[in-house]
Structure formats: C-alpha cells, structure tokens
C-alpha cells in the first residue's frame, strides 16, 4: 500500500507499507484515528488517536474554506486512499502523492505555552 507520511519538521515522503493495523499503529505511534478533512472524501488522514493527550509534537494545521485553522495534527500522520466501496484503506495514486506532498511541504513550527 503506497502512502504519504508526514512527520513533524520534515518534508512528506512516500512509503510502501503492508497495510496491517500493526504497521499503521507503528507509523503514528499508537492507536489510529481516521479523519477525512479534505475536499476529496476518498483520502483519509490517519493519525494517533491520543496524539494531543500524549503531547506529541504539533505537526501540520488543517484549514477551513476561509483559510482559518480548524485543527492541528499532533505527531506523525499519513495519508492513504479510503475507497467508499471497501472497508480497507488503499494506495494513493501518483497524482495524489504529488498533490499532498505539495500541500504539506511547508514545515510548520508551533510554540506552546
């Protein structure tokens, strides 16, 4: 399964994984949560379900249609395909990899108090 991994303070990179729950949990460092924050409902963002509670480093912001921050993902996350006709996640296309690499290429630094 071809995914796009986004780590805090690093550029996104493509990775091939076996698609098992254990592998997905290893990438995000714990229990996984799938969210669908994009205009493309077939793209899932998989993150650590307890990332903020675990005080993982803040990674990338998610924005609404007006460009306002609606959430900040804590810890490493990845993007994959979430076909509506399947219960399993799948590979991103090369075009999706490039689109989301560009979207998340800017490194974001957050200062918490």
Protein backbone atom coordinates (compact mmCIF):
# COMPACT_ATOMS: atom_id res chain seq x y z
CA UNK A 1 0.00 0.00 0.00
CA UNK A 2 1.50 3.34 -1.08
CA UNK A 3 1.04 6.14 1.46
CA UNK A 4 2.35 9.65 2.15
CA UNK A 5 3.96 10.05 5.59
CA UNK A 6 4.10 13.49 7.22
CA UNK A 7 6.37 13.82 10.25
CA UNK A 8 6.78 16.98 12.34
CA UNK A 9 9.51 19.27 10.96
CA UNK A 10 10.19 17.00 7.96
CA UNK A 11 9.16 17.03 4.34
CA UNK A 12 6.45 14.49 3.42
CA UNK A 13 7.67 11.27 1.85
CA UNK A 14 6.16 8.33 0.04
CA UNK A 15 6.31 4.93 1.72
CA UNK A 16 5.20 1.43 0.80
CA UNK A 17 3.60 -0.48 3.71
CA UNK A 18 1.83 -3.82 4.12
CA UNK A 19 -1.41 -2.19 5.29
CA UNK A 20 -1.74 -4.09 8.56
CA UNK A 21 -3.12 -2.40 11.65
CA UNK A 22 0.16 -3.04 13.44
CA UNK A 23 2.16 -1.23 10.76
CA UNK A 24 -0.22 1.73 10.75
CA UNK A 25 -0.04 1.97 14.55
CA UNK A 26 3.76 1.83 14.39
CA UNK A 27 3.87 4.78 11.98
CA UNK A 28 1.67 7.04 14.17
CA UNK A 29 2.98 5.72 17.49
CA UNK A 30 -0.25 4.35 18.94
CA UNK A 31 -3.93 3.85 18.28
CA UNK A 32 -5.01 5.10 14.87
CA UNK A 33 -7.78 7.53 14.06
CA UNK A 34 -9.00 8.15 10.51
CA UNK A 35 -10.29 11.60 9.64
CA UNK A 36 -11.48 12.98 6.33
CA UNK A 37 -10.65 16.70 6.29
CA UNK A 38 -10.13 17.17 2.55
CA UNK A 39 -12.28 18.06 -0.43
CA UNK A 40 -11.52 14.55 -1.69
CA UNK A 41 -13.57 12.22 0.57
CA UNK A 42 -11.62 9.23 -0.72
CA UNK A 43 -8.46 10.46 1.04
CA UNK A 44 -8.04 9.56 4.72
CA UNK A 45 -5.64 11.19 7.16
CA UNK A 46 -4.52 8.58 9.69
CA UNK A 47 -3.13 9.97 12.94
CA UNK A 48 -2.58 8.96 16.56
CA UNK A 49 -5.96 8.97 18.31
CA UNK A 50 -4.33 10.23 21.53
CA UNK A 51 -1.65 12.42 19.94
CA UNK A 52 -2.62 15.61 21.75
CA UNK A 53 -3.19 13.86 25.08
CA UNK A 54 0.26 12.27 24.72
CA UNK A 55 1.67 15.74 23.97
CA UNK A 56 3.18 14.59 20.68
CA UNK A 57 4.85 17.41 18.72
CA UNK A 58 2.42 19.54 16.76
CA UNK A 59 2.80 18.76 13.09
CA UNK A 60 0.58 20.42 10.45
CA UNK A 61 -2.55 22.56 10.54
CA UNK A 62 -5.81 21.81 8.80
CA UNK A 63 -7.69 24.78 7.35
CA UNK A 64 -11.31 25.56 6.52
CA UNK A 65 -12.50 27.05 3.23
CA UNK A 66 -11.71 30.57 4.51
CA UNK A 67 -8.11 29.67 5.33
CA UNK A 68 -8.66 29.59 9.10
CA UNK A 69 -7.02 26.89 11.20
CA UNK A 70 -9.59 24.36 12.39
CA UNK A 71 -7.19 21.84 13.92
CA UNK A 72 -3.53 20.96 14.26
CA UNK A 73 -2.48 17.34 13.96
CA UNK A 74 -0.12 16.18 16.72
CA UNK A 75 2.54 13.62 15.86
CA UNK A 76 3.29 11.77 12.67
CA UNK A 77 0.37 11.10 10.35
CA UNK A 78 -0.08 9.58 6.94
CA UNK A 79 -2.47 9.84 4.03
CA UNK A 80 -3.96 6.90 2.19
CA UNK A 81 -6.89 6.06 -0.02
CA UNK A 82 -10.20 5.23 1.64
CA UNK A 83 -12.36 3.81 -1.15
CA UNK A 84 -16.06 4.16 -0.41
CA UNK A 85 -16.70 0.66 -1.76
CA UNK A 86 -14.21 -1.01 0.61
CA UNK A 87 -13.70 -1.46 4.33
CA UNK A 88 -9.92 -1.32 3.86
CA UNK A 89 -7.53 1.53 3.21
CA UNK A 90 -5.60 1.52 -0.04
CA UNK A 91 -2.80 3.08 -2.03
CA UNK A 92 -2.66 6.68 -3.13
CA UNK A 93 -2.19 7.38 -6.82
CA UNK A 94 0.99 9.10 -8.01
CA UNK A 95 -1.09 12.24 -8.66
CA UNK A 96 -2.49 12.21 -5.11
CA UNK A 97 1.02 11.73 -3.68
CA UNK A 98 2.25 14.78 -5.58
CA UNK A 99 -0.79 16.90 -4.68
CA UNK A 100 -0.49 16.24 -0.96
CA UNK A 101 3.31 16.44 -0.92
CA UNK A 102 2.88 19.97 -2.20
CA UNK A 103 0.09 20.70 0.27
CA UNK A 104 2.17 19.62 3.28
CA UNK A 105 5.68 20.57 2.08
CA UNK A 106 5.89 23.70 4.24
CA UNK A 107 7.34 22.86 7.64
CA UNK A 108 5.24 24.33 10.44
CA UNK A 109 6.61 25.28 13.85
CA UNK A 110 4.28 25.75 16.81
CA UNK A 111 5.18 27.25 20.15
CA UNK A 112 3.10 26.04 23.07
CA UNK A 113 2.97 27.56 26.50
